Amino acid sequence: MRHKKGKGFLMSDNGFIDYYELMQLSPSADADTIERIFRHLAMKFHPDNMESGDAERFRLIVDAHRVLSDPEKRAGYDVKY
C-alpha cells in the first residue's frame, strides 16, 4: 500500500487514513491511552485554539477517536490496517 504524507499523518492512495499515525499511538494502545491522547490533541487542534487550531485535523482526530475508542469499530479498522 502506497502512502502519502498529509498534514502529518499517512493516507493511502485509496483514502485510507492511518489513525494510529494521526493520533501518534501504537496499535496496541489501551483505552485509557487513546482517551488521554485524544483529549490532548483535541485541545491542541480545536478550531477555537488561536495558536494551533486546525479544523480539518480536528475533524480527523474526532473520527479517529470514534473508531479507536469503540472495540467493534476498532477491530474492523484493524483488519484493514
PDB file of N, CA and C in Angstrom:
ATOM      1  N   MET A   1       0.842  -1.172   0.000  1.00  0.00           N
ATOM      2  CA  MET A   1       0.000   0.000   0.000  1.00  0.00           C
ATOM      3  C   MET A   1       0.892   1.241   0.000  1.00  0.00           C
ATOM      4  N   ARG A   2       0.704   2.101  -1.002  1.00  0.00           N
ATOM      5  CA  ARG A   2       1.470   3.346  -1.048  1.00  0.00           C
ATOM      6  C   ARG A   2       0.831   4.367  -0.134  1.00  0.00           C
ATOM      7  N   HIS A   3       1.660   5.173   0.508  1.00  0.00           N
ATOM      8  CA  HIS A   3       1.175   6.201   1.416  1.00  0.00           C
ATOM      9  C   HIS A   3       1.703   7.548   0.984  1.00  0.00           C
ATOM     10  N   LYS A   4       0.924   8.566   1.259  1.00  0.00           N
ATOM     11  CA  LYS A   4       1.401   9.922   1.057  1.00  0.00           C
ATOM     12  C   LYS A   4       1.193  10.686   2.347  1.00  0.00           C
ATOM     13  N   LYS A   5       2.081  11.613   2.582  1.00  0.00           N
ATOM     14  CA  LYS A   5       2.024  12.409   3.792  1.00  0.00           C
ATOM     15  C   LYS A   5       0.966  13.479   3.618  1.00  0.00           C
ATOM     16  N   GLY A   6       0.137  13.673   4.612  1.00  0.00           N
ATOM     17  CA  GLY A   6      -0.883  14.704   4.555  1.00  0.00           C
ATOM     18  C   GLY A   6      -1.052  15.324   5.914  1.00  0.00           C
ATOM     19  N   LYS A   7      -0.592  16.534   6.093  1.00  0.00           N
ATOM     20  CA  LYS A   7      -0.722  17.251   7.359  1.00  0.00           C
ATOM     21  C   LYS A   7      -0.190  16.441   8.538  1.00  0.00           C
ATOM     22  N   GLY A   8       0.886  15.698   8.362  1.00  0.00           N
ATOM     23  CA  GLY A   8       1.499  14.995   9.471  1.00  0.00           C
ATOM     24  C   GLY A   8       0.987  13.591   9.729  1.00  0.00           C
ATOM     25  N   PHE A   9       0.145  13.066   8.861  1.00  0.00           N
ATOM     26  CA  PHE A   9      -0.347  11.704   9.035  1.00  0.00           C
ATOM     27  C   PHE A   9      -0.287  10.996   7.695  1.00  0.00           C
ATOM     28  N   LEU A  10      -0.447   9.712   7.710  1.00  0.00           N
ATOM     29  CA  LEU A  10      -0.340   8.923   6.484  1.00  0.00           C
ATOM     30  C   LEU A  10      -1.715   8.598   5.917  1.00  0.00           C
ATOM     31  N   MET A  11      -1.848   8.759   4.601  1.00  0.00           N
ATOM     32  CA  MET A  11      -3.070   8.414   3.901  1.00  0.00           C
ATOM     33  C   MET A  11      -2.674   7.600   2.670  1.00  0.00           C
ATOM     34  N   SER A  12      -3.334   6.492   2.474  1.00  0.00           N
ATOM     35  CA  SER A  12      -3.029   5.670   1.302  1.00  0.00           C
ATOM     36  C   SER A  12      -3.669   6.286   0.062  1.00  0.00           C
ATOM     37  N   ASP A  13      -3.285   5.781  -1.093  1.00  0.00           N
ATOM     38  CA  ASP A  13      -3.846   6.270  -2.350  1.00  0.00           C
ATOM     39  C   ASP A  13      -5.358   6.060  -2.426  1.00  0.00           C
ATOM     40  N   ASN A  14      -5.860   5.063  -1.714  1.00  0.00           N
ATOM     41  CA  ASN A  14      -7.300   4.803  -1.747  1.00  0.00           C
ATOM     42  C   ASN A  14      -8.065   5.565  -0.666  1.00  0.00           C
ATOM     43  N   GLY A  15      -7.402   6.488   0.019  1.00  0.00           N
ATOM     44  CA  GLY A  15      -8.067   7.328   1.009  1.00  0.00           C
ATOM     45  C   GLY A  15      -8.053   6.779   2.424  1.00  0.00           C
ATOM     46  N   PHE A  16      -7.410   5.641   2.635  1.00  0.00           N
ATOM     47  CA  PHE A  16      -7.337   5.056   3.973  1.00  0.00           C
ATOM     48  C   PHE A  16      -6.406   5.902   4.845  1.00  0.00           C
ATOM     49  N   ILE A  17      -6.917   6.409   5.946  1.00  0.00           N
ATOM     50  CA  ILE A  17      -6.122   7.245   6.853  1.00  0.00           C
ATOM     51  C   ILE A  17      -5.608   6.384   7.996  1.00  0.00           C
ATOM     52  N   ASP A  18      -4.328   6.505   8.266  1.00  0.00           N
ATOM     53  CA  ASP A  18      -3.702   5.769   9.365  1.00  0.00           C
ATOM     54  C   ASP A  18      -4.012   6.498  10.672  1.00  0.00           C
ATOM     55  N   TYR A  19      -5.066   6.067  11.344  1.00  0.00           N
ATOM     56  CA  TYR A  19      -5.491   6.720  12.584  1.00  0.00           C
ATOM     57  C   TYR A  19      -4.442   6.597  13.690  1.00  0.00           C
ATOM     58  N   TYR A  20      -3.709   5.501  13.688  1.00  0.00           N
ATOM     59  CA  TYR A  20      -2.669   5.350  14.711  1.00  0.00           C
ATOM     60  C   TYR A  20      -1.576   6.402  14.520  1.00  0.00           C
ATOM     61  N   GLU A  21      -1.167   6.605  13.284  1.00  0.00           N
ATOM     62  CA  GLU A  21      -0.159   7.621  12.981  1.00  0.00           C
ATOM     63  C   GLU A  21      -0.713   9.017  13.266  1.00  0.00           C
ATOM     64  N   LEU A  22      -1.944   9.261  12.857  1.00  0.00           N
ATOM     65  CA  LEU A  22      -2.589  10.553  13.071  1.00  0.00           C
ATOM     66  C   LEU A  22      -2.599  10.925  14.545  1.00  0.00           C
ATOM     67  N   MET A  23      -2.938   9.948  15.398  1.00  0.00           N
ATOM     68  CA  MET A  23      -3.030  10.214  16.830  1.00  0.00           C
ATOM     69  C   MET A  23      -1.744   9.886  17.583  1.00  0.00           C
ATOM     70  N   GLN A  24      -0.706   9.501  16.836  1.00  0.00           N
ATOM     71  CA  GLN A  24       0.591   9.202  17.427  1.00  0.00           C
ATOM     72  C   GLN A  24       0.477   8.107  18.487  1.00  0.00           C
ATOM     73  N   LEU A  25      -0.222   7.046  18.114  1.00  0.00           N
ATOM     74  CA  LEU A  25      -0.476   5.920  19.012  1.00  0.00           C
ATOM     75  C   LEU A  25       0.116   4.635  18.454  1.00  0.00           C
ATOM     76  N   SER A  26       0.446   3.746  19.355  1.00  0.00           N
ATOM     77  CA  SER A  26       0.814   2.387  18.986  1.00  0.00           C
ATOM     78  C   SER A  26      -0.481   1.615  18.704  1.00  0.00           C
ATOM     79  N   PRO A  27      -0.480   0.695  17.751  1.00  0.00           N
ATOM     80  CA  PRO A  27      -1.674  -0.127  17.524  1.00  0.00           C
ATOM     81  C   PRO A  27      -2.080  -0.948  18.754  1.00  0.00           C
ATOM     82  N   SER A  28      -1.188  -1.083  19.707  1.00  0.00           N
ATOM     83  CA  SER A  28      -1.520  -1.833  20.926  1.00  0.00           C
ATOM     84  C   SER A  28      -1.948  -0.912  22.082  1.00  0.00           C
ATOM     85  N   ALA A  29      -2.188   0.359  21.803  1.00  0.00           N
ATOM     86  CA  ALA A  29      -2.575   1.311  22.851  1.00  0.00           C
ATOM     87  C   ALA A  29      -3.880   0.890  23.518  1.00  0.00           C
ATOM     88  N   ASP A  30      -3.936   1.065  24.834  1.00  0.00           N
ATOM     89  CA  ASP A  30      -5.150   0.722  25.567  1.00  0.00           C
ATOM     90  C   ASP A  30      -6.138   1.896  25.545  1.00  0.00           C
ATOM     91  N   ALA A  31      -7.351   1.651  26.048  1.00  0.00           N
ATOM     92  CA  ALA A  31      -8.426   2.647  26.004  1.00  0.00           C
ATOM     93  C   ALA A  31      -8.062   3.930  26.750  1.00  0.00           C
ATOM     94  N   ASP A  32      -7.397   3.798  27.901  1.00  0.00           N
ATOM     95  CA  ASP A  32      -7.013   4.986  28.670  1.00  0.00           C
ATOM     96  C   ASP A  32      -6.022   5.856  27.899  1.00  0.00           C
ATOM     97  N   THR A  33      -5.081   5.229  27.235  1.00  0.00           N
ATOM     98  CA  THR A  33      -4.091   5.972  26.455  1.00  0.00           C
ATOM     99  C   THR A  33      -4.766   6.663  25.273  1.00  0.00           C
ATOM    100  N   ILE A  34      -5.658   5.967  24.605  1.00  0.00           N
ATOM    101  CA  ILE A  34      -6.376   6.561  23.475  1.00  0.00           C
ATOM    102  C   ILE A  34      -7.141   7.799  23.937  1.00  0.00           C
ATOM    103  N   GLU A  35      -7.813   7.685  25.055  1.00  0.00           N
ATOM    104  CA  GLU A  35      -8.600   8.810  25.582  1.00  0.00           C
ATOM    105  C   GLU A  35      -7.705   9.983  25.968  1.00  0.00           C
ATOM    106  N   ARG A  36      -6.598   9.692  26.625  1.00  0.00           N
ATOM    107  CA  ARG A  36      -5.671  10.748  27.064  1.00  0.00           C
ATOM    108  C   ARG A  36      -5.076  11.479  25.872  1.00  0.00           C
ATOM    109  N   ILE A  37      -4.623  10.740  24.878  1.00  0.00           N
ATOM    110  CA  ILE A  37      -4.030  11.355  23.690  1.00  0.00           C
ATOM    111  C   ILE A  37      -5.095  12.124  22.911  1.00  0.00           C
ATOM    112  N   PHE A  38      -6.294  11.564  22.810  1.00  0.00           N
ATOM    113  CA  PHE A  38      -7.370  12.271  22.119  1.00  0.00           C
ATOM    114  C   PHE A  38      -7.633  13.624  22.761  1.00  0.00           C
ATOM    115  N   ARG A  39      -7.761  13.658  24.075  1.00  0.00           N
ATOM    116  CA  ARG A  39      -8.034  14.929  24.758  1.00  0.00           C
ATOM    117  C   ARG A  39      -6.929  15.945  24.506  1.00  0.00           C
ATOM    118  N   HIS A  40      -5.696  15.493  24.551  1.00  0.00           N
ATOM    119  CA  HIS A  40      -4.557  16.384  24.310  1.00  0.00           C
ATOM    120  C   HIS A  40      -4.603  16.951  22.886  1.00  0.00           C
ATOM    121  N   LEU A  41      -4.780  16.067  21.898  1.00  0.00           N
ATOM    122  CA  LEU A  41      -4.795  16.517  20.503  1.00  0.00           C
ATOM    123  C   LEU A  41      -6.036  17.348  20.194  1.00  0.00           C
ATOM    124  N   ALA A  42      -7.171  16.995  20.775  1.00  0.00           N
ATOM    125  CA  ALA A  42      -8.396  17.762  20.543  1.00  0.00           C
ATOM    126  C   ALA A  42      -8.239  19.195  21.045  1.00  0.00           C
ATOM    127  N   MET A  43      -7.635  19.367  22.198  1.00  0.00           N
ATOM    128  CA  MET A  43      -7.397  20.722  22.704  1.00  0.00           C
ATOM    129  C   MET A  43      -6.405  21.469  21.814  1.00  0.00           C
ATOM    130  N   LYS A  44      -5.373  20.778  21.376  1.00  0.00           N
ATOM    131  CA  LYS A  44      -4.338  21.405  20.559  1.00  0.00           C
ATOM    132  C   LYS A  44      -4.878  21.865  19.202  1.00  0.00           C
ATOM    133  N   PHE A  45      -5.695  21.040  18.549  1.00  0.00           N
ATOM    134  CA  PHE A  45      -6.143  21.341  17.199  1.00  0.00           C
ATOM    135  C   PHE A  45      -7.578  21.862  17.108  1.00  0.00           C
ATOM    136  N   HIS A  46      -8.224  22.094  18.250  1.00  0.00           N
ATOM    137  CA  HIS A  46      -9.585  22.627  18.225  1.00  0.00           C
ATOM    138  C   HIS A  46      -9.589  23.956  17.475  1.00  0.00           C
ATOM    139  N   PRO A  47     -10.571  24.165  16.606  1.00  0.00           N
ATOM    140  CA  PRO A  47     -10.604  25.399  15.812  1.00  0.00           C
ATOM    141  C   PRO A  47     -10.600  26.682  16.652  1.00  0.00           C
ATOM    142  N   ASP A  48     -11.046  26.631  17.887  1.00  0.00           N
ATOM    143  CA  ASP A  48     -11.041  27.825  18.748  1.00  0.00           C
ATOM    144  C   ASP A  48      -9.667  28.139  19.323  1.00  0.00           C
ATOM    145  N   ASN A  49      -8.725  27.223  19.180  1.00  0.00           N
ATOM    146  CA  ASN A  49      -7.367  27.453  19.673  1.00  0.00           C
ATOM    147  C   ASN A  49      -6.661  28.365  18.673  1.00  0.00           C
ATOM    148  N   MET A  50      -6.410  29.594  19.073  1.00  0.00           N
ATOM    149  CA  MET A  50      -5.833  30.593  18.166  1.00  0.00           C
ATOM    150  C   MET A  50      -4.407  30.260  17.735  1.00  0.00           C
ATOM    151  N   GLU A  51      -3.661  29.537  18.567  1.00  0.00           N
ATOM    152  CA  GLU A  51      -2.255  29.252  18.269  1.00  0.00           C
ATOM    153  C   GLU A  51      -2.072  28.063  17.327  1.00  0.00           C
ATOM    154  N   SER A  52      -2.830  26.999  17.546  1.00  0.00           N
ATOM    155  CA  SER A  52      -2.574  25.779  16.775  1.00  0.00           C
ATOM    156  C   SER A  52      -3.847  25.122  16.233  1.00  0.00           C
ATOM    157  N   GLY A  53      -4.961  25.858  16.221  1.00  0.00           N
ATOM    158  CA  GLY A  53      -6.217  25.296  15.741  1.00  0.00           C
ATOM    159  C   GLY A  53      -6.150  24.903  14.272  1.00  0.00           C
ATOM    160  N   ASP A  54      -6.769  23.789  13.950  1.00  0.00           N
ATOM    161  CA  ASP A  54      -6.804  23.282  12.576  1.00  0.00           C
ATOM    162  C   ASP A  54      -8.092  22.467  12.449  1.00  0.00           C
ATOM    163  N   ALA A  55      -9.116  23.063  11.838  1.00  0.00           N
ATOM    164  CA  ALA A  55     -10.440  22.438  11.782  1.00  0.00           C
ATOM    165  C   ALA A  55     -10.419  21.073  11.095  1.00  0.00           C
ATOM    166  N   GLU A  56      -9.670  20.943   9.998  1.00  0.00           N
ATOM    167  CA  GLU A  56      -9.622  19.671   9.269  1.00  0.00           C
ATOM    168  C   GLU A  56      -8.945  18.590  10.103  1.00  0.00           C
ATOM    169  N   ARG A  57      -7.842  18.932  10.714  1.00  0.00           N
ATOM    170  CA  ARG A  57      -7.140  17.950  11.548  1.00  0.00           C
ATOM    171  C   ARG A  57      -7.988  17.579  12.764  1.00  0.00           C
ATOM    172  N   PHE A  58      -8.671  18.563  13.354  1.00  0.00           N
ATOM    173  CA  PHE A  58      -9.551  18.295  14.489  1.00  0.00           C
ATOM    174  C   PHE A  58     -10.635  17.292  14.085  1.00  0.00           C
ATOM    175  N   ARG A  59     -11.250  17.493  12.904  1.00  0.00           N
ATOM    176  CA  ARG A  59     -12.288  16.585  12.427  1.00  0.00           C
ATOM    177  C   ARG A  59     -11.743  15.167  12.273  1.00  0.00           C
ATOM    178  N   LEU A  60     -10.545  15.046  11.720  1.00  0.00           N
ATOM    179  CA  LEU A  60      -9.936  13.726  11.546  1.00  0.00           C
ATOM    180  C   LEU A  60      -9.623  13.070  12.892  1.00  0.00           C
ATOM    181  N   ILE A  61      -9.185  13.853  13.854  1.00  0.00           N
ATOM    182  CA  ILE A  61      -8.885  13.323  15.194  1.00  0.00           C
ATOM    183  C   ILE A  61     -10.169  12.819  15.859  1.00  0.00           C
ATOM    184  N   VAL A  62     -11.258  13.565  15.695  1.00  0.00           N
ATOM    185  CA  VAL A  62     -12.547  13.123  16.249  1.00  0.00           C
ATOM    186  C   VAL A  62     -12.983  11.821  15.580  1.00  0.00           C
ATOM    187  N   ASP A  63     -12.831  11.738  14.252  1.00  0.00           N
ATOM    188  CA  ASP A  63     -13.164  10.498  13.532  1.00  0.00           C
ATOM    189  C   ASP A  63     -12.319   9.333  14.034  1.00  0.00           C
ATOM    190  N   ALA A  64     -11.018   9.572  14.193  1.00  0.00           N
ATOM    191  CA  ALA A  64     -10.117   8.527  14.680  1.00  0.00           C
ATOM    192  C   ALA A  64     -10.529   8.067  16.075  1.00  0.00           C
ATOM    193  N   HIS A  65     -10.878   9.011  16.928  1.00  0.00           N
ATOM    194  CA  HIS A  65     -11.294   8.666  18.292  1.00  0.00           C
ATOM    195  C   HIS A  65     -12.563   7.824  18.287  1.00  0.00           C
ATOM    196  N   ARG A  66     -13.517   8.183  17.430  1.00  0.00           N
ATOM    197  CA  ARG A  66     -14.761   7.403  17.334  1.00  0.00           C
ATOM    198  C   ARG A  66     -14.475   5.949  16.979  1.00  0.00           C
ATOM    199  N   VAL A  67     -13.539   5.743  16.080  1.00  0.00           N
ATOM    200  CA  VAL A  67     -13.217   4.381  15.644  1.00  0.00           C
ATOM    201  C   VAL A  67     -12.380   3.654  16.684  1.00  0.00           C
ATOM    202  N   LEU A  68     -11.300   4.274  17.135  1.00  0.00           N
ATOM    203  CA  LEU A  68     -10.351   3.575  18.013  1.00  0.00           C
ATOM    204  C   LEU A  68     -10.869   3.376  19.437  1.00  0.00           C
ATOM    205  N   SER A  69     -11.848   4.172  19.859  1.00  0.00           N
ATOM    206  CA  SER A  69     -12.357   4.021  21.225  1.00  0.00           C
ATOM    207  C   SER A  69     -13.517   3.023  21.311  1.00  0.00           C
ATOM    208  N   ASP A  70     -14.032   2.591  20.179  1.00  0.00           N
ATOM    209  CA  ASP A  70     -15.112   1.597  20.145  1.00  0.00           C
ATOM    210  C   ASP A  70     -14.501   0.248  19.765  1.00  0.00           C
ATOM    211  N   PRO A  71     -14.549  -0.739  20.670  1.00  0.00           N
ATOM    212  CA  PRO A  71     -13.890  -2.019  20.402  1.00  0.00           C
ATOM    213  C   PRO A  71     -14.313  -2.686  19.086  1.00  0.00           C
ATOM    214  N   GLU A  72     -15.597  -2.636  18.735  1.00  0.00           N
ATOM    215  CA  GLU A  72     -16.054  -3.273  17.497  1.00  0.00           C
ATOM    216  C   GLU A  72     -15.546  -2.517  16.265  1.00  0.00           C
ATOM    217  N   LYS A  73     -15.655  -1.192  16.292  1.00  0.00           N
ATOM    218  CA  LYS A  73     -15.176  -0.399  15.161  1.00  0.00           C
ATOM    219  C   LYS A  73     -13.663  -0.522  15.020  1.00  0.00           C
ATOM    220  N   ARG A  74     -12.970  -0.563  16.160  1.00  0.00           N
ATOM    221  CA  ARG A  74     -11.508  -0.691  16.120  1.00  0.00           C
ATOM    222  C   ARG A  74     -11.102  -2.031  15.519  1.00  0.00           C
ATOM    223  N   ALA A  75     -11.800  -3.086  15.886  1.00  0.00           N
ATOM    224  CA  ALA A  75     -11.479  -4.405  15.332  1.00  0.00           C
ATOM    225  C   ALA A  75     -11.655  -4.406  13.813  1.00  0.00           C
ATOM    226  N   GLY A  76     -12.726  -3.791  13.331  1.00  0.00           N
ATOM    227  CA  GLY A  76     -12.942  -3.693  11.894  1.00  0.00           C
ATOM    228  C   GLY A  76     -11.863  -2.850  11.220  1.00  0.00           C
ATOM    229  N   TYR A  77     -11.455  -1.767  11.871  1.00  0.00           N
ATOM    230  CA  TYR A  77     -10.384  -0.921  11.332  1.00  0.00           C
ATOM    231  C   TYR A  77      -9.077  -1.685  11.289  1.00  0.00           C
ATOM    232  N   ASP A  78      -8.773  -2.411  12.359  1.00  0.00           N
ATOM    233  CA  ASP A  78      -7.518  -3.144  12.447  1.00  0.00           C
ATOM    234  C   ASP A  78      -7.379  -4.211  11.357  1.00  0.00           C
ATOM    235  N   VAL A  79      -8.508  -4.763  10.915  1.00  0.00           N
ATOM    236  CA  VAL A  79      -8.469  -5.738   9.821  1.00  0.00           C
ATOM    237  C   VAL A  79      -7.946  -5.071   8.555  1.00  0.00           C
ATOM    238  N   LYS A  80      -8.362  -3.825   8.315  1.00  0.00           N
ATOM    239  CA  LYS A  80      -7.907  -3.070   7.145  1.00  0.00           C
ATOM    240  C   LYS A  80      -6.491  -2.546   7.330  1.00  0.00           C
ATOM    241  N   TYR A  81      -6.099  -2.306   8.594  1.00  0.00           N
ATOM    242  CA  TYR A  81      -4.798  -1.740   8.909  1.00  0.00           C
ATOM    243  C   TYR A  81      -3.713  -2.722   8.569  1.00  0.00           C
TER     244      TYR A  81
END
